[in-house]
Amino acid sequence: MTEPTLEQRKIIYRARRGLKELDYYFDPYVREHYLTASEQEQATFASLIQEEDPDLLDWFLFNQPPKAEYAELIGKLKQLKNDNLA
């Protein structure tokens, strides 16, 4: 596995929210998929983690549909958790 770039390290650090509901989805993705994801997916994730925690909670807990640009990635993060539970 290649060493993360400085920018990737910053994004990995920012992904730690301190809210267990968000970390539940972000941590496995960062550990297992982020560094091997496409540049586009990494950019989308970097943008996603810039969003406010209340919005992220709404999107991940189905209280609100996510912004269109995040819908696919949020679906993937949820599916990864479901796959790990199976």
PDB file of N, CA and C in Angstrom:
ATOM      1  N   MET A   1       0.852  -1.189   0.000  1.00  0.00           N
ATOM      2  CA  MET A   1       0.000   0.000   0.000  1.00  0.00           C
ATOM      3  C   MET A   1       0.890   1.242   0.000  1.00  0.00           C
ATOM      4  N   THR A   2       0.499   2.228  -0.769  1.00  0.00           N
ATOM      5  CA  THR A   2       1.290   3.442  -0.854  1.00  0.00           C
ATOM      6  C   THR A   2       1.046   4.336   0.356  1.00  0.00           C
ATOM      7  N   GLU A   3       2.016   5.156   0.609  1.00  0.00           N
ATOM      8  CA  GLU A   3       1.939   6.098   1.731  1.00  0.00           C
ATOM      9  C   GLU A   3       0.982   7.239   1.351  1.00  0.00           C
ATOM     10  N   PRO A   4       0.065   7.633   2.245  1.00  0.00           N
ATOM     11  CA  PRO A   4      -0.857   8.734   1.921  1.00  0.00           C
ATOM     12  C   PRO A   4      -0.102  10.052   1.733  1.00  0.00           C
ATOM     13  N   THR A   5      -0.617  10.872   0.838  1.00  0.00           N
ATOM     14  CA  THR A   5      -0.061  12.208   0.641  1.00  0.00           C
ATOM     15  C   THR A   5      -0.439  13.084   1.842  1.00  0.00           C
ATOM     16  N   LEU A   6       0.173  14.239   1.922  1.00  0.00           N
ATOM     17  CA  LEU A   6      -0.153  15.170   3.008  1.00  0.00           C
ATOM     18  C   LEU A   6      -1.634  15.547   2.946  1.00  0.00           C
ATOM     19  N   GLU A   7      -2.143  15.812   1.748  1.00  0.00           N
ATOM     20  CA  GLU A   7      -3.553  16.172   1.607  1.00  0.00           C
ATOM     21  C   GLU A   7      -4.455  15.018   2.042  1.00  0.00           C
ATOM     22  N   GLN A   8      -4.121  13.802   1.660  1.00  0.00           N
ATOM     23  CA  GLN A   8      -4.909  12.644   2.083  1.00  0.00           C
ATOM     24  C   GLN A   8      -4.870  12.488   3.596  1.00  0.00           C
ATOM     25  N   ARG A   9      -3.732  12.722   4.200  1.00  0.00           N
ATOM     26  CA  ARG A   9      -3.632  12.645   5.668  1.00  0.00           C
ATOM     27  C   ARG A   9      -4.553  13.666   6.333  1.00  0.00           C
ATOM     28  N   LYS A  10      -4.595  14.875   5.771  1.00  0.00           N
ATOM     29  CA  LYS A  10      -5.466  15.914   6.327  1.00  0.00           C
ATOM     30  C   LYS A  10      -6.930  15.501   6.248  1.00  0.00           C
ATOM     31  N   ILE A  11      -7.317  14.915   5.127  1.00  0.00           N
ATOM     32  CA  ILE A  11      -8.707  14.493   4.950  1.00  0.00           C
ATOM     33  C   ILE A  11      -9.036  13.359   5.906  1.00  0.00           C
ATOM     34  N   ILE A  12      -8.126  12.417   6.046  1.00  0.00           N
ATOM     35  CA  ILE A  12      -8.333  11.312   6.988  1.00  0.00           C
ATOM     36  C   ILE A  12      -8.515  11.860   8.402  1.00  0.00           C
ATOM     37  N   TYR A  13      -7.705  12.835   8.776  1.00  0.00           N
ATOM     38  CA  TYR A  13      -7.812  13.437  10.105  1.00  0.00           C
ATOM     39  C   TYR A  13      -9.155  14.154  10.269  1.00  0.00           C
ATOM     40  N   ARG A  14      -9.562  14.917   9.248  1.00  0.00           N
ATOM     41  CA  ARG A  14     -10.830  15.659   9.315  1.00  0.00           C
ATOM     42  C   ARG A  14     -12.044  14.748   9.351  1.00  0.00           C
ATOM     43  N   ALA A  15     -11.885  13.524   8.852  1.00  0.00           N
ATOM     44  CA  ALA A  15     -13.015  12.588   8.833  1.00  0.00           C
ATOM     45  C   ALA A  15     -13.388  12.121  10.231  1.00  0.00           C
ATOM     46  N   ARG A  16     -12.488  12.258  11.189  1.00  0.00           N
ATOM     47  CA  ARG A  16     -12.807  11.894  12.581  1.00  0.00           C
ATOM     48  C   ARG A  16     -13.684  12.974  13.170  1.00  0.00           C
ATOM     49  N   ARG A  17     -14.930  12.659  13.378  1.00  0.00           N
ATOM     50  CA  ARG A  17     -15.890  13.672  13.808  1.00  0.00           C
ATOM     51  C   ARG A  17     -16.075  13.725  15.313  1.00  0.00           C
ATOM     52  N   GLY A  18     -15.861  12.635  15.986  1.00  0.00           N
ATOM     53  CA  GLY A  18     -16.149  12.613  17.413  1.00  0.00           C
ATOM     54  C   GLY A  18     -17.613  12.343  17.707  1.00  0.00           C
ATOM     55  N   LEU A  19     -18.395  12.152  16.666  1.00  0.00           N
ATOM     56  CA  LEU A  19     -19.797  11.750  16.822  1.00  0.00           C
ATOM     57  C   LEU A  19     -19.877  10.303  16.394  1.00  0.00           C
ATOM     58  N   LYS A  20     -20.254   9.424  17.304  1.00  0.00           N
ATOM     59  CA  LYS A  20     -20.203   7.999  16.986  1.00  0.00           C
ATOM     60  C   LYS A  20     -21.082   7.644  15.802  1.00  0.00           C
ATOM     61  N   GLU A  21     -22.177   8.371  15.600  1.00  0.00           N
ATOM     62  CA  GLU A  21     -23.066   8.085  14.475  1.00  0.00           C
ATOM     63  C   GLU A  21     -22.378   8.322  13.133  1.00  0.00           C
ATOM     64  N   LEU A  22     -21.534   9.360  13.069  1.00  0.00           N
ATOM     65  CA  LEU A  22     -20.812   9.636  11.824  1.00  0.00           C
ATOM     66  C   LEU A  22     -19.549   8.786  11.722  1.00  0.00           C
ATOM     67  N   ASP A  23     -18.843   8.655  12.823  1.00  0.00           N
ATOM     68  CA  ASP A  23     -17.640   7.823  12.807  1.00  0.00           C
ATOM     69  C   ASP A  23     -17.972   6.384  12.446  1.00  0.00           C
ATOM     70  N   TYR A  24     -19.152   5.940  12.769  1.00  0.00           N
ATOM     71  CA  TYR A  24     -19.621   4.595  12.437  1.00  0.00           C
ATOM     72  C   TYR A  24     -19.513   4.346  10.924  1.00  0.00           C
ATOM     73  N   TYR A  25     -19.802   5.378  10.135  1.00  0.00           N
ATOM     74  CA  TYR A  25     -19.727   5.260   8.676  1.00  0.00           C
ATOM     75  C   TYR A  25     -18.359   5.672   8.130  1.00  0.00           C
ATOM     76  N   PHE A  26     -17.788   6.723   8.673  1.00  0.00           N
ATOM     77  CA  PHE A  26     -16.539   7.254   8.120  1.00  0.00           C
ATOM     78  C   PHE A  26     -15.332   6.380   8.409  1.00  0.00           C
ATOM     79  N   ASP A  27     -15.200   5.881   9.627  1.00  0.00           N
ATOM     80  CA  ASP A  27     -13.991   5.135  10.008  1.00  0.00           C
ATOM     81  C   ASP A  27     -13.708   3.928   9.114  1.00  0.00           C
ATOM     82  N   PRO A  28     -14.684   3.033   8.890  1.00  0.00           N
ATOM     83  CA  PRO A  28     -14.381   1.881   8.032  1.00  0.00           C
ATOM     84  C   PRO A  28     -14.023   2.288   6.605  1.00  0.00           C
ATOM     85  N   TYR A  29     -14.702   3.315   6.094  1.00  0.00           N
ATOM     86  CA  TYR A  29     -14.400   3.779   4.737  1.00  0.00           C
ATOM     87  C   TYR A  29     -12.966   4.296   4.660  1.00  0.00           C
ATOM     88  N   VAL A  30     -12.589   5.123   5.616  1.00  0.00           N
ATOM     89  CA  VAL A  30     -11.235   5.686   5.616  1.00  0.00           C
ATOM     90  C   VAL A  30     -10.193   4.578   5.754  1.00  0.00           C
ATOM     91  N   ARG A  31     -10.424   3.628   6.635  1.00  0.00           N
ATOM     92  CA  ARG A  31      -9.460   2.541   6.861  1.00  0.00           C
ATOM     93  C   ARG A  31      -9.326   1.612   5.665  1.00  0.00           C
ATOM     94  N   GLU A  32     -10.449   1.299   5.029  1.00  0.00           N
ATOM     95  CA  GLU A  32     -10.439   0.226   4.037  1.00  0.00           C
ATOM     96  C   GLU A  32     -10.575   0.663   2.582  1.00  0.00           C
ATOM     97  N   HIS A  33     -11.063   1.880   2.313  1.00  0.00           N
ATOM     98  CA  HIS A  33     -11.386   2.229   0.930  1.00  0.00           C
ATOM     99  C   HIS A  33     -10.851   3.573   0.451  1.00  0.00           C
ATOM    100  N   TYR A  34     -10.699   4.532   1.332  1.00  0.00           N
ATOM    101  CA  TYR A  34     -10.389   5.896   0.890  1.00  0.00           C
ATOM    102  C   TYR A  34      -9.129   5.964   0.032  1.00  0.00           C
ATOM    103  N   LEU A  35      -8.033   5.381   0.487  1.00  0.00           N
ATOM    104  CA  LEU A  35      -6.762   5.519  -0.233  1.00  0.00           C
ATOM    105  C   LEU A  35      -6.763   4.813  -1.590  1.00  0.00           C
ATOM    106  N   THR A  36      -7.637   3.844  -1.780  1.00  0.00           N
ATOM    107  CA  THR A  36      -7.694   3.145  -3.065  1.00  0.00           C
ATOM    108  C   THR A  36      -8.847   3.646  -3.943  1.00  0.00           C
ATOM    109  N   ALA A  37      -9.602   4.601  -3.460  1.00  0.00           N
ATOM    110  CA  ALA A  37     -10.725   5.156  -4.223  1.00  0.00           C
ATOM    111  C   ALA A  37     -10.192   6.016  -5.371  1.00  0.00           C
ATOM    112  N   SER A  38     -11.031   6.233  -6.362  1.00  0.00           N
ATOM    113  CA  SER A  38     -10.663   7.102  -7.488  1.00  0.00           C
ATOM    114  C   SER A  38     -10.433   8.531  -6.981  1.00  0.00           C
ATOM    115  N   GLU A  39      -9.736   9.316  -7.788  1.00  0.00           N
ATOM    116  CA  GLU A  39      -9.506  10.716  -7.417  1.00  0.00           C
ATOM    117  C   GLU A  39     -10.828  11.451  -7.247  1.00  0.00           C
ATOM    118  N   GLN A  40     -11.788  11.136  -8.108  1.00  0.00           N
ATOM    119  CA  GLN A  40     -13.106  11.791  -8.020  1.00  0.00           C
ATOM    120  C   GLN A  40     -13.804  11.437  -6.705  1.00  0.00           C
ATOM    121  N   GLU A  41     -13.763  10.162  -6.330  1.00  0.00           N
ATOM    122  CA  GLU A  41     -14.408   9.752  -5.082  1.00  0.00           C
ATOM    123  C   GLU A  41     -13.696  10.374  -3.884  1.00  0.00           C
ATOM    124  N   GLN A  42     -12.374  10.433  -3.925  1.00  0.00           N
ATOM    125  CA  GLN A  42     -11.635  11.073  -2.830  1.00  0.00           C
ATOM    126  C   GLN A  42     -12.015  12.548  -2.725  1.00  0.00           C
ATOM    127  N   ALA A  43     -12.164  13.214  -3.867  1.00  0.00           N
ATOM    128  CA  ALA A  43     -12.556  14.628  -3.864  1.00  0.00           C
ATOM    129  C   ALA A  43     -13.967  14.806  -3.314  1.00  0.00           C
ATOM    130  N   THR A  44     -14.869  13.904  -3.674  1.00  0.00           N
ATOM    131  CA  THR A  44     -16.237  13.972  -3.161  1.00  0.00           C
ATOM    132  C   THR A  44     -16.245  13.749  -1.653  1.00  0.00           C
ATOM    133  N   PHE A  45     -15.451  12.787  -1.176  1.00  0.00           N
ATOM    134  CA  PHE A  45     -15.380  12.538   0.262  1.00  0.00           C
ATOM    135  C   PHE A  45     -14.813  13.760   0.982  1.00  0.00           C
ATOM    136  N   ALA A  46     -13.778  14.372   0.412  1.00  0.00           N
ATOM    137  CA  ALA A  46     -13.183  15.573   1.017  1.00  0.00           C
ATOM    138  C   ALA A  46     -14.224  16.681   1.127  1.00  0.00           C
ATOM    139  N   SER A  47     -15.057  16.817   0.113  1.00  0.00           N
ATOM    140  CA  SER A  47     -16.116  17.819   0.134  1.00  0.00           C
ATOM    141  C   SER A  47     -17.195  17.447   1.150  1.00  0.00           C
ATOM    142  N   LEU A  48     -17.555  16.171   1.178  1.00  0.00           N
ATOM    143  CA  LEU A  48     -18.583  15.692   2.112  1.00  0.00           C
ATOM    144  C   LEU A  48     -18.220  15.995   3.559  1.00  0.00           C
ATOM    145  N   ILE A  49     -16.981  15.751   3.933  1.00  0.00           N
ATOM    146  CA  ILE A  49     -16.616  15.953   5.340  1.00  0.00           C
ATOM    147  C   ILE A  49     -16.492  17.426   5.719  1.00  0.00           C
ATOM    148  N   GLN A  50     -16.622  18.313   4.742  1.00  0.00           N
ATOM    149  CA  GLN A  50     -16.654  19.744   5.040  1.00  0.00           C
ATOM    150  C   GLN A  50     -18.049  20.210   5.452  1.00  0.00           C
ATOM    151  N   GLU A  51     -19.035  19.357   5.211  1.00  0.00           N
ATOM    152  CA  GLU A  51     -20.414  19.710   5.561  1.00  0.00           C
ATOM    153  C   GLU A  51     -20.592  19.730   7.081  1.00  0.00           C
ATOM    154  N   GLU A  52     -21.612  20.416   7.518  1.00  0.00           N
ATOM    155  CA  GLU A  52     -21.900  20.532   8.946  1.00  0.00           C
ATOM    156  C   GLU A  52     -22.422  19.204   9.505  1.00  0.00           C
ATOM    157  N   ASP A  53     -22.062  18.909  10.750  1.00  0.00           N
ATOM    158  CA  ASP A  53     -22.483  17.659  11.378  1.00  0.00           C
ATOM    159  C   ASP A  53     -23.998  17.455  11.378  1.00  0.00           C
ATOM    160  N   PRO A  54     -24.815  18.471  11.690  1.00  0.00           N
ATOM    161  CA  PRO A  54     -26.269  18.236  11.666  1.00  0.00           C
ATOM    162  C   PRO A  54     -26.764  17.798  10.287  1.00  0.00           C
ATOM    163  N   ASP A  55     -26.199  18.366   9.217  1.00  0.00           N
ATOM    164  CA  ASP A  55     -26.593  17.967   7.869  1.00  0.00           C
ATOM    165  C   ASP A  55     -26.156  16.529   7.602  1.00  0.00           C
ATOM    166  N   LEU A  56     -24.932  16.197   7.987  1.00  0.00           N
ATOM    167  CA  LEU A  56     -24.436  14.837   7.795  1.00  0.00           C
ATOM    168  C   LEU A  56     -25.300  13.836   8.550  1.00  0.00           C
ATOM    169  N   LEU A  57     -25.645  14.167   9.770  1.00  0.00           N
ATOM    170  CA  LEU A  57     -26.514  13.274  10.552  1.00  0.00           C
ATOM    171  C   LEU A  57     -27.856  13.079   9.859  1.00  0.00           C
ATOM    172  N   ASP A  58     -28.436  14.161   9.350  1.00  0.00           N
ATOM    173  CA  ASP A  58     -29.710  14.051   8.629  1.00  0.00           C
ATOM    174  C   ASP A  58     -29.573  13.119   7.433  1.00  0.00           C
ATOM    175  N   TRP A  59     -28.500  13.271   6.674  1.00  0.00           N
ATOM    176  CA  TRP A  59     -28.323  12.473   5.462  1.00  0.00           C
ATOM    177  C   TRP A  59     -28.064  11.006   5.789  1.00  0.00           C
ATOM    178  N   PHE A  60     -27.242  10.747   6.782  1.00  0.00           N
ATOM    179  CA  PHE A  60     -26.897   9.364   7.089  1.00  0.00           C
ATOM    180  C   PHE A  60     -27.998   8.632   7.842  1.00  0.00           C
ATOM    181  N   LEU A  61     -28.820   9.349   8.544  1.00  0.00           N
ATOM    182  CA  LEU A  61     -29.882   8.704   9.314  1.00  0.00           C
ATOM    183  C   LEU A  61     -31.237   8.789   8.598  1.00  0.00           C
ATOM    184  N   PHE A  62     -31.218   9.108   7.295  1.00  0.00           N
ATOM    185  CA  PHE A  62     -32.411   9.126   6.439  1.00  0.00           C
ATOM    186  C   PHE A  62     -33.441  10.177   6.810  1.00  0.00           C
ATOM    187  N   ASN A  63     -33.079  11.146   7.588  1.00  0.00           N
ATOM    188  CA  ASN A  63     -34.054  12.178   7.913  1.00  0.00           C
ATOM    189  C   ASN A  63     -34.258  13.140   6.753  1.00  0.00           C
ATOM    190  N   GLN A  64     -33.249  13.240   5.893  1.00  0.00           N
ATOM    191  CA  GLN A  64     -33.319  14.118   4.727  1.00  0.00           C
ATOM    192  C   GLN A  64     -32.546  13.471   3.594  1.00  0.00           C
ATOM    193  N   PRO A  65     -32.992  13.679   2.353  1.00  0.00           N
ATOM    194  CA  PRO A  65     -32.170  13.190   1.246  1.00  0.00           C
ATOM    195  C   PRO A  65     -30.897  14.036   1.160  1.00  0.00           C
ATOM    196  N   PRO A  66     -29.765  13.407   0.843  1.00  0.00           N
ATOM    197  CA  PRO A  66     -28.513  14.173   0.755  1.00  0.00           C
ATOM    198  C   PRO A  66     -28.481  15.038  -0.488  1.00  0.00           C
ATOM    199  N   LYS A  67     -27.552  15.982  -0.500  1.00  0.00           N
ATOM    200  CA  LYS A  67     -27.295  16.747  -1.718  1.00  0.00           C
ATOM    201  C   LYS A  67     -26.966  15.752  -2.823  1.00  0.00           C
ATOM    202  N   ALA A  68     -27.374  16.067  -4.015  1.00  0.00           N
ATOM    203  CA  ALA A  68     -27.216  15.149  -5.149  1.00  0.00           C
ATOM    204  C   ALA A  68     -25.766  14.702  -5.341  1.00  0.00           C
ATOM    205  N   GLU A  69     -24.825  15.601  -5.144  1.00  0.00           N
ATOM    206  CA  GLU A  69     -23.416  15.256  -5.383  1.00  0.00           C
ATOM    207  C   GLU A  69     -22.870  14.242  -4.367  1.00  0.00           C
ATOM    208  N   TYR A  70     -23.590  14.067  -3.260  1.00  0.00           N
ATOM    209  CA  TYR A  70     -23.130  13.133  -2.227  1.00  0.00           C
ATOM    210  C   TYR A  70     -23.941  11.841  -2.180  1.00  0.00           C
ATOM    211  N   ALA A  71     -25.046  11.785  -2.882  1.00  0.00           N
ATOM    212  CA  ALA A  71     -25.965  10.651  -2.751  1.00  0.00           C
ATOM    213  C   ALA A  71     -25.281   9.314  -3.018  1.00  0.00           C
ATOM    214  N   GLU A  72     -24.506   9.225  -4.080  1.00  0.00           N
ATOM    215  CA  GLU A  72     -23.862   7.955  -4.426  1.00  0.00           C
ATOM    216  C   GLU A  72     -22.847   7.544  -3.363  1.00  0.00           C
ATOM    217  N   LEU A  73     -22.026   8.484  -2.916  1.00  0.00           N
ATOM    218  CA  LEU A  73     -21.002   8.164  -1.915  1.00  0.00           C
ATOM    219  C   LEU A  73     -21.631   7.788  -0.574  1.00  0.00           C
ATOM    220  N   ILE A  74     -22.646   8.515  -0.162  1.00  0.00           N
ATOM    221  CA  ILE A  74     -23.317   8.183   1.095  1.00  0.00           C
ATOM    222  C   ILE A  74     -23.936   6.785   0.997  1.00  0.00           C
ATOM    223  N   GLY A  75     -24.525   6.481  -0.138  1.00  0.00           N
ATOM    224  CA  GLY A  75     -25.052   5.137  -0.354  1.00  0.00           C
ATOM    225  C   GLY A  75     -23.959   4.090  -0.236  1.00  0.00           C
ATOM    226  N   LYS A  76     -22.788   4.387  -0.779  1.00  0.00           N
ATOM    227  CA  LYS A  76     -21.668   3.445  -0.704  1.00  0.00           C
ATOM    228  C   LYS A  76     -21.217   3.257   0.742  1.00  0.00           C
ATOM    229  N   LEU A  77     -21.087   4.336   1.500  1.00  0.00           N
ATOM    230  CA  LEU A  77     -20.654   4.223   2.888  1.00  0.00           C
ATOM    231  C   LEU A  77     -21.647   3.400   3.700  1.00  0.00           C
ATOM    232  N   LYS A  78     -22.932   3.604   3.453  1.00  0.00           N
ATOM    233  CA  LYS A  78     -23.959   2.821   4.154  1.00  0.00           C
ATOM    234  C   LYS A  78     -23.883   1.356   3.756  1.00  0.00           C
ATOM    235  N   GLN A  79     -23.672   1.100   2.474  1.00  0.00           N
ATOM    236  CA  GLN A  79     -23.589  -0.283   2.000  1.00  0.00           C
ATOM    237  C   GLN A  79     -22.365  -0.981   2.579  1.00  0.00           C
ATOM    238  N   LEU A  80     -21.254  -0.284   2.674  1.00  0.00           N
ATOM    239  CA  LEU A  80     -20.048  -0.872   3.268  1.00  0.00           C
ATOM    240  C   LEU A  80     -20.308  -1.311   4.698  1.00  0.00           C
ATOM    241  N   LYS A  81     -21.055  -0.508   5.456  1.00  0.00           N
ATOM    242  CA  LYS A  81     -21.381  -0.900   6.839  1.00  0.00           C
ATOM    243  C   LYS A  81     -22.301  -2.119   6.841  1.00  0.00           C
ATOM    244  N   ASN A  82     -23.281  -2.140   5.953  1.00  0.00           N
ATOM    245  CA  ASN A  82     -24.181  -3.279   5.872  1.00  0.00           C
ATOM    246  C   ASN A  82     -23.429  -4.550   5.484  1.00  0.00           C
ATOM    247  N   ASP A  83     -22.482  -4.437   4.553  1.00  0.00           N
ATOM    248  CA  ASP A  83     -21.687  -5.581   4.128  1.00  0.00           C
ATOM    249  C   ASP A  83     -20.851  -6.107   5.282  1.00  0.00           C
ATOM    250  N   ASN A  84     -20.324  -5.204   6.101  1.00  0.00           N
ATOM    251  CA  ASN A  84     -19.497  -5.629   7.239  1.00  0.00           C
ATOM    252  C   ASN A  84     -20.326  -6.295   8.338  1.00  0.00           C
ATOM    253  N   LEU A  85     -21.615  -5.967   8.396  1.00  0.00           N
ATOM    254  CA  LEU A  85     -22.493  -6.556   9.415  1.00  0.00           C
ATOM    255  C   LEU A  85     -22.982  -7.941   8.999  1.00  0.00           C
ATOM    256  N   ALA A  86     -22.984  -8.177   7.700  1.00  0.00           N
ATOM    257  CA  ALA A  86     -23.500  -9.464   7.189  1.00  0.00           C
ATOM    258  C   ALA A  86     -22.560 -10.613   7.467  1.00  0.00           C
TER     259      ALA A  86
END
